[in-house]
Amino acid sequence: MFCSDFSSLCYAAVCQIGRTFALSILNAMVTQRSPKETYASSTRIVMPNDTNTLGNLMGGNLLNWMDINAAISAHRCSRRICVTAAVNNVSFKKPIKLGDIVTIHAEVTRTFNSSMEVFMRVHVENHLTGEQSLCNEAMYTFVAVDQLGAPIAVPAVLPETEEEQERYAGALRRRQLRLVLAGKMKPADATELKALFD
């Protein structure tokens, strides 16, 4: 009886591994996605341990929440392990108060070989009035990696709406600026940036 149960268990494990492998092959064959396919959102309430002495959400906590949400969006694009490569731009427009409800919306704007730019909007809902307002925007860059941690190619993102097309077009300039500032690209090679001043 033990042998039969063990055989059944082995067969089930092999079938599961086969299904997982087949799904990974299918995901690898996907060559493009739309930004809405990469969409991720999360909602949290600001608790006392999230705040500073003024009763405002600490910026570092918000950055952490955004990093997690952006990683999910990048994963939905690549279906791979994704690591944070850069926090390109974060603008804090107004403080977020204790008890406020924070919703983070993220989607991949553009991909470059193994990297993905993720755009995020942070909306805050006043817990007393229900009024919602845009509080923060940010751009994060993620890199998809394989099981050994080496960068791996990701599907292209094809924008559909006018807003998505504008973010897509700007992503190359933002990438070139980031690479120039990091010393990974010569300013003379940043053709999209140079075109802004010509």
C-alpha atoms as a PDB file:
ATOM      1  CA  MET A   1       0.000   0.000   0.000  1.00  0.00           C
ATOM      2  CA  PHE A   2       2.839   2.379   0.868  1.00  0.00           C
ATOM      3  CA  CYS A   3       4.411   1.813  -2.546  1.00  0.00           C
ATOM      4  CA  SER A   4       1.134   2.587  -4.303  1.00  0.00           C
ATOM      5  CA  ASP A   5       0.596   5.794  -2.296  1.00  0.00           C
ATOM      6  CA  PHE A   6       4.181   6.854  -2.924  1.00  0.00           C
ATOM      7  CA  SER A   7       3.803   6.183  -6.665  1.00  0.00           C
ATOM      8  CA  SER A   8       0.613   8.255  -6.755  1.00  0.00           C
ATOM      9  CA  LEU A   9       2.332  11.059  -4.876  1.00  0.00           C
ATOM     10  CA  CYS A  10       5.314  10.999  -7.254  1.00  0.00           C
ATOM     11  CA  TYR A  11       3.009  11.021 -10.269  1.00  0.00           C
ATOM     12  CA  ALA A  12       1.072  14.004  -8.865  1.00  0.00           C
ATOM     13  CA  ALA A  13       4.323  15.861  -8.182  1.00  0.00           C
ATOM     14  CA  VAL A  14       5.611  15.217 -11.712  1.00  0.00           C
ATOM     15  CA  CYS A  15       2.285  16.404 -13.170  1.00  0.00           C
ATOM     16  CA  GLN A  16       2.439  19.596 -11.075  1.00  0.00           C
ATOM     17  CA  ILE A  17       6.031  20.256 -12.104  1.00  0.00           C
ATOM     18  CA  GLY A  18       5.046  19.679 -15.724  1.00  0.00           C
ATOM     19  CA  ARG A  19       2.131  22.136 -15.458  1.00  0.00           C
ATOM     20  CA  THR A  20       4.360  24.733 -13.788  1.00  0.00           C
ATOM     21  CA  PHE A  21       7.033  24.274 -16.455  1.00  0.00           C
ATOM     22  CA  ALA A  22       4.444  24.539 -19.245  1.00  0.00           C
ATOM     23  CA  LEU A  23       3.051  27.753 -17.729  1.00  0.00           C
ATOM     24  CA  SER A  24       6.541  29.242 -17.454  1.00  0.00           C
ATOM     25  CA  ILE A  25       7.176  28.392 -21.126  1.00  0.00           C
ATOM     26  CA  LEU A  26       3.881  30.026 -22.145  1.00  0.00           C
ATOM     27  CA  ASN A  27       4.691  33.140 -20.108  1.00  0.00           C
ATOM     28  CA  ALA A  28       8.143  33.284 -21.711  1.00  0.00           C
ATOM     29  CA  MET A  29       6.488  33.226 -25.141  1.00  0.00           C
ATOM     30  CA  VAL A  30       4.434  36.353 -24.382  1.00  0.00           C
ATOM     31  CA  THR A  31       6.152  39.145 -26.287  1.00  0.00           C
ATOM     32  CA  GLN A  32       3.949  42.085 -25.327  1.00  0.00           C
ATOM     33  CA  ARG A  33       1.482  43.268 -22.726  1.00  0.00           C
ATOM     34  CA  SER A  34      -0.704  46.314 -22.287  1.00  0.00           C
ATOM     35  CA  PRO A  35      -0.232  48.594 -19.263  1.00  0.00           C
ATOM     36  CA  LYS A  36      -3.620  47.497 -17.899  1.00  0.00           C
ATOM     37  CA  GLU A  37      -2.365  43.891 -17.804  1.00  0.00           C
ATOM     38  CA  THR A  38       0.350  45.058 -15.395  1.00  0.00           C
ATOM     39  CA  TYR A  39      -2.000  47.064 -13.148  1.00  0.00           C
ATOM     40  CA  ALA A  40      -1.702  46.536  -9.403  1.00  0.00           C
ATOM     41  CA  SER A  41      -3.337  48.369  -6.526  1.00  0.00           C
ATOM     42  CA  SER A  42      -3.308  48.190  -2.763  1.00  0.00           C
ATOM     43  CA  THR A  43      -5.169  49.996  -0.018  1.00  0.00           C
ATOM     44  CA  ARG A  44      -4.046  50.621   3.551  1.00  0.00           C
ATOM     45  CA  ILE A  45      -5.179  52.692   6.488  1.00  0.00           C
ATOM     46  CA  VAL A  46      -2.567  54.851   8.219  1.00  0.00           C
ATOM     47  CA  MET A  47      -2.111  53.466  11.722  1.00  0.00           C
ATOM     48  CA  PRO A  48      -0.334  55.137  14.683  1.00  0.00           C
ATOM     49  CA  ASN A  49       2.856  53.086  14.186  1.00  0.00           C
ATOM     50  CA  ASP A  50       3.041  54.387  10.561  1.00  0.00           C
ATOM     51  CA  THR A  51       3.253  58.048  11.607  1.00  0.00           C
ATOM     52  CA  ASN A  52       5.813  60.550  12.812  1.00  0.00           C
ATOM     53  CA  THR A  53       5.434  62.814  15.855  1.00  0.00           C
ATOM     54  CA  LEU A  54       3.215  65.188  13.850  1.00  0.00           C
ATOM     55  CA  GLY A  55       0.705  62.432  13.094  1.00  0.00           C
ATOM     56  CA  ASN A  56       1.696  62.238   9.422  1.00  0.00           C
ATOM     57  CA  LEU A  57       2.578  59.076   7.520  1.00  0.00           C
ATOM     58  CA  MET A  58       6.367  58.705   7.472  1.00  0.00           C
ATOM     59  CA  GLY A  59       7.729  59.013   3.945  1.00  0.00           C
ATOM     60  CA  GLY A  60       9.779  55.846   4.320  1.00  0.00           C
ATOM     61  CA  ASN A  61       6.657  53.818   5.063  1.00  0.00           C
ATOM     62  CA  LEU A  62       4.944  55.172   1.963  1.00  0.00           C
ATOM     63  CA  LEU A  63       8.036  54.386  -0.132  1.00  0.00           C
ATOM     64  CA  ASN A  64       7.975  50.813   1.190  1.00  0.00           C
ATOM     65  CA  TRP A  65       4.278  50.393   0.354  1.00  0.00           C
ATOM     66  CA  MET A  66       4.903  51.814  -3.114  1.00  0.00           C
ATOM     67  CA  ASP A  67       7.905  49.516  -3.651  1.00  0.00           C
ATOM     68  CA  ILE A  68       5.812  46.447  -2.878  1.00  0.00           C
ATOM     69  CA  ASN A  69       2.956  47.549  -5.133  1.00  0.00           C
ATOM     70  CA  ALA A  70       5.343  48.440  -7.971  1.00  0.00           C
ATOM     71  CA  ALA A  71       7.067  45.051  -7.632  1.00  0.00           C
ATOM     72  CA  ILE A  72       3.710  43.319  -8.107  1.00  0.00           C
ATOM     73  CA  SER A  73       3.065  45.392 -11.235  1.00  0.00           C
ATOM     74  CA  ALA A  74       6.526  44.567 -12.613  1.00  0.00           C
ATOM     75  CA  HIS A  75       5.956  40.897 -11.853  1.00  0.00           C
ATOM     76  CA  ARG A  76       2.638  40.968 -13.728  1.00  0.00           C
ATOM     77  CA  CYS A  77       4.513  42.311 -16.739  1.00  0.00           C
ATOM     78  CA  SER A  78       7.460  39.913 -16.677  1.00  0.00           C
ATOM     79  CA  ARG A  79       6.164  36.906 -14.683  1.00  0.00           C
ATOM     80  CA  ARG A  80       9.644  36.800 -13.189  1.00  0.00           C
ATOM     81  CA  ILE A  81      11.336  37.749  -9.951  1.00  0.00           C
ATOM     82  CA  CYS A  82      11.770  41.526 -10.038  1.00  0.00           C
ATOM     83  CA  VAL A  83      14.206  43.630  -8.060  1.00  0.00           C
ATOM     84  CA  THR A  84      14.142  47.369  -7.464  1.00  0.00           C
ATOM     85  CA  ALA A  85      16.811  49.083  -9.564  1.00  0.00           C
ATOM     86  CA  ALA A  86      15.941  52.735  -8.953  1.00  0.00           C
ATOM     87  CA  VAL A  87      13.488  55.080  -7.350  1.00  0.00           C
ATOM     88  CA  ASN A  88      13.492  57.639 -10.132  1.00  0.00           C
ATOM     89  CA  ASN A  89      11.101  60.273  -8.923  1.00  0.00           C
ATOM     90  CA  VAL A  90       8.796  60.652  -5.958  1.00  0.00           C
ATOM     91  CA  SER A  91       6.864  63.827  -5.300  1.00  0.00           C
ATOM     92  CA  PHE A  92       5.172  64.350  -1.952  1.00  0.00           C
ATOM     93  CA  LYS A  93       2.388  66.827  -2.638  1.00  0.00           C
ATOM     94  CA  LYS A  94       0.830  66.965   0.841  1.00  0.00           C
ATOM     95  CA  PRO A  95       1.016  65.115   4.143  1.00  0.00           C
ATOM     96  CA  ILE A  96      -1.009  61.960   4.719  1.00  0.00           C
ATOM     97  CA  LYS A  97      -2.656  61.951   8.141  1.00  0.00           C
ATOM     98  CA  LEU A  98      -3.287  59.296  10.768  1.00  0.00           C
ATOM     99  CA  GLY A  99      -6.467  57.401   9.867  1.00  0.00           C
ATOM    100  CA  ASP A 100      -6.376  58.356   6.186  1.00  0.00           C
ATOM    101  CA  ILE A 101      -7.003  55.570   3.675  1.00  0.00           C
ATOM    102  CA  VAL A 102      -4.164  55.249   1.145  1.00  0.00           C
ATOM    103  CA  THR A 103      -4.653  53.602  -2.255  1.00  0.00           C
ATOM    104  CA  ILE A 104      -1.670  53.015  -4.522  1.00  0.00           C
ATOM    105  CA  HIS A 105      -2.196  52.416  -8.249  1.00  0.00           C
ATOM    106  CA  ALA A 106       0.715  51.081 -10.315  1.00  0.00           C
ATOM    107  CA  GLU A 107       1.329  50.020 -13.907  1.00  0.00           C
ATOM    108  CA  VAL A 108       4.320  49.444 -16.129  1.00  0.00           C
ATOM    109  CA  THR A 109       4.773  52.304 -18.586  1.00  0.00           C
ATOM    110  CA  ARG A 110       7.586  50.880 -20.715  1.00  0.00           C
ATOM    111  CA  THR A 111      10.118  48.070 -20.790  1.00  0.00           C
ATOM    112  CA  PHE A 112      13.760  48.038 -21.920  1.00  0.00           C
ATOM    113  CA  ASN A 113      15.298  44.596 -22.446  1.00  0.00           C
ATOM    114  CA  SER A 114      15.239  43.479 -18.771  1.00  0.00           C
ATOM    115  CA  SER A 115      14.100  46.663 -17.009  1.00  0.00           C
ATOM    116  CA  MET A 116      10.626  48.074 -16.478  1.00  0.00           C
ATOM    117  CA  GLU A 117       9.510  51.573 -15.519  1.00  0.00           C
ATOM    118  CA  VAL A 118       6.538  51.514 -13.142  1.00  0.00           C
ATOM    119  CA  PHE A 119       4.367  54.617 -12.725  1.00  0.00           C
ATOM    120  CA  MET A 120       2.422  55.041  -9.496  1.00  0.00           C
ATOM    121  CA  ARG A 121      -0.266  57.321  -8.219  1.00  0.00           C
ATOM    122  CA  VAL A 122      -1.150  57.544  -4.546  1.00  0.00           C
ATOM    123  CA  HIS A 123      -4.670  58.630  -3.662  1.00  0.00           C
ATOM    124  CA  VAL A 124      -5.740  59.476  -0.140  1.00  0.00           C
ATOM    125  CA  GLU A 125      -9.254  59.186   1.195  1.00  0.00           C
ATOM    126  CA  ASN A 126     -10.192  61.224   4.241  1.00  0.00           C
ATOM    127  CA  HIS A 127     -11.697  58.728   6.679  1.00  0.00           C
ATOM    128  CA  LEU A 128     -14.235  61.258   7.964  1.00  0.00           C
ATOM    129  CA  THR A 129     -15.465  62.867   4.723  1.00  0.00           C
ATOM    130  CA  GLY A 130     -14.668  60.200   2.125  1.00  0.00           C
ATOM    131  CA  GLU A 131     -13.039  62.892  -0.049  1.00  0.00           C
ATOM    132  CA  GLN A 132     -10.281  61.483  -2.262  1.00  0.00           C
ATOM    133  CA  SER A 133      -7.297  63.372  -3.604  1.00  0.00           C
ATOM    134  CA  LEU A 134      -4.076  62.683  -5.476  1.00  0.00           C
ATOM    135  CA  CYS A 135      -1.288  62.866  -2.935  1.00  0.00           C
ATOM    136  CA  ASN A 136       1.836  61.436  -4.550  1.00  0.00           C
ATOM    137  CA  GLU A 137       3.243  60.253  -7.855  1.00  0.00           C
ATOM    138  CA  ALA A 138       6.350  58.194  -8.450  1.00  0.00           C
ATOM    139  CA  MET A 139       8.423  56.311 -11.011  1.00  0.00           C
ATOM    140  CA  TYR A 140      10.293  53.180  -9.981  1.00  0.00           C
ATOM    141  CA  THR A 141      12.530  50.997 -12.140  1.00  0.00           C
ATOM    142  CA  PHE A 142      12.627  47.225 -11.740  1.00  0.00           C
ATOM    143  CA  VAL A 143      14.782  44.561 -13.362  1.00  0.00           C
ATOM    144  CA  ALA A 144      13.527  41.036 -14.016  1.00  0.00           C
ATOM    145  CA  VAL A 145      16.000  38.328 -13.054  1.00  0.00           C
ATOM    146  CA  ASP A 146      16.281  34.584 -13.557  1.00  0.00           C
ATOM    147  CA  GLN A 147      16.803  31.942 -10.862  1.00  0.00           C
ATOM    148  CA  LEU A 148      20.501  32.856 -10.650  1.00  0.00           C
ATOM    149  CA  GLY A 149      19.860  36.589 -10.309  1.00  0.00           C
ATOM    150  CA  ALA A 150      20.957  37.503 -13.840  1.00  0.00           C
ATOM    151  CA  PRO A 151      18.861  40.007 -15.821  1.00  0.00           C
ATOM    152  CA  ILE A 152      16.383  38.397 -18.215  1.00  0.00           C
ATOM    153  CA  ALA A 153      14.377  39.813 -21.145  1.00  0.00           C
ATOM    154  CA  VAL A 154      10.828  41.017 -20.496  1.00  0.00           C
ATOM    155  CA  PRO A 155       7.815  41.493 -22.793  1.00  0.00           C
ATOM    156  CA  ALA A 156       7.312  44.869 -24.452  1.00  0.00           C
ATOM    157  CA  VAL A 157       4.556  47.126 -23.151  1.00  0.00           C
ATOM    158  CA  LEU A 158       2.298  48.594 -25.813  1.00  0.00           C
ATOM    159  CA  PRO A 159       0.413  51.698 -24.697  1.00  0.00           C
ATOM    160  CA  GLU A 160      -3.240  52.004 -25.658  1.00  0.00           C
ATOM    161  CA  THR A 161      -4.575  55.305 -24.313  1.00  0.00           C
ATOM    162  CA  GLU A 162      -3.204  58.777 -25.013  1.00  0.00           C
ATOM    163  CA  GLU A 163      -2.010  59.103 -21.414  1.00  0.00           C
ATOM    164  CA  GLU A 164      -0.228  55.741 -21.624  1.00  0.00           C
ATOM    165  CA  GLN A 165       1.407  56.832 -24.902  1.00  0.00           C
ATOM    166  CA  GLU A 166       2.712  60.049 -23.302  1.00  0.00           C
ATOM    167  CA  ARG A 167       4.214  58.144 -20.369  1.00  0.00           C
ATOM    168  CA  TYR A 168       5.671  55.576 -22.789  1.00  0.00           C
ATOM    169  CA  ALA A 169       7.361  58.310 -24.859  1.00  0.00           C
ATOM    170  CA  GLY A 170       8.757  60.036 -21.764  1.00  0.00           C
ATOM    171  CA  ALA A 171      10.127  56.800 -20.322  1.00  0.00           C
ATOM    172  CA  LEU A 172      13.107  56.743 -22.692  1.00  0.00           C
ATOM    173  CA  ARG A 173      14.114  60.295 -21.678  1.00  0.00           C
ATOM    174  CA  ARG A 174      13.748  59.422 -17.984  1.00  0.00           C
ATOM    175  CA  ARG A 175      15.844  56.296 -18.489  1.00  0.00           C
ATOM    176  CA  GLN A 176      18.585  58.184 -20.305  1.00  0.00           C
ATOM    177  CA  LEU A 177      18.646  60.869 -17.599  1.00  0.00           C
ATOM    178  CA  ARG A 178      18.903  58.214 -14.878  1.00  0.00           C
ATOM    179  CA  LEU A 179      21.751  56.455 -16.708  1.00  0.00           C
ATOM    180  CA  VAL A 180      23.642  59.718 -17.319  1.00  0.00           C
ATOM    181  CA  LEU A 181      23.322  60.721 -13.651  1.00  0.00           C
ATOM    182  CA  ALA A 182      24.495  57.261 -12.575  1.00  0.00           C
ATOM    183  CA  GLY A 183      27.529  57.514 -14.887  1.00  0.00           C
ATOM    184  CA  LYS A 184      26.354  54.547 -16.981  1.00  0.00           C
ATOM    185  CA  MET A 185      25.771  56.586 -20.144  1.00  0.00           C
ATOM    186  CA  LYS A 186      27.726  59.405 -21.706  1.00  0.00           C
ATOM    187  CA  PRO A 187      25.658  62.599 -22.069  1.00  0.00           C
ATOM    188  CA  ALA A 188      26.533  62.666 -25.780  1.00  0.00           C
ATOM    189  CA  ASP A 189      24.800  59.288 -26.195  1.00  0.00           C
ATOM    190  CA  ALA A 190      21.552  60.465 -24.596  1.00  0.00           C
ATOM    191  CA  THR A 191      19.900  61.300 -27.909  1.00  0.00           C
ATOM    192  CA  GLU A 192      16.377  61.713 -26.552  1.00  0.00           C
ATOM    193  CA  LEU A 193      17.571  64.158 -23.908  1.00  0.00           C
ATOM    194  CA  LYS A 194      19.652  66.101 -26.412  1.00  0.00           C
ATOM    195  CA  ALA A 195      16.619  66.396 -28.700  1.00  0.00           C
ATOM    196  CA  LEU A 196      14.826  68.380 -25.993  1.00  0.00           C
ATOM    197  CA  PHE A 197      17.440  71.127 -26.256  1.00  0.00           C
ATOM    198  CA  ASP A 198      17.973  71.165 -30.014  1.00  0.00           C
END
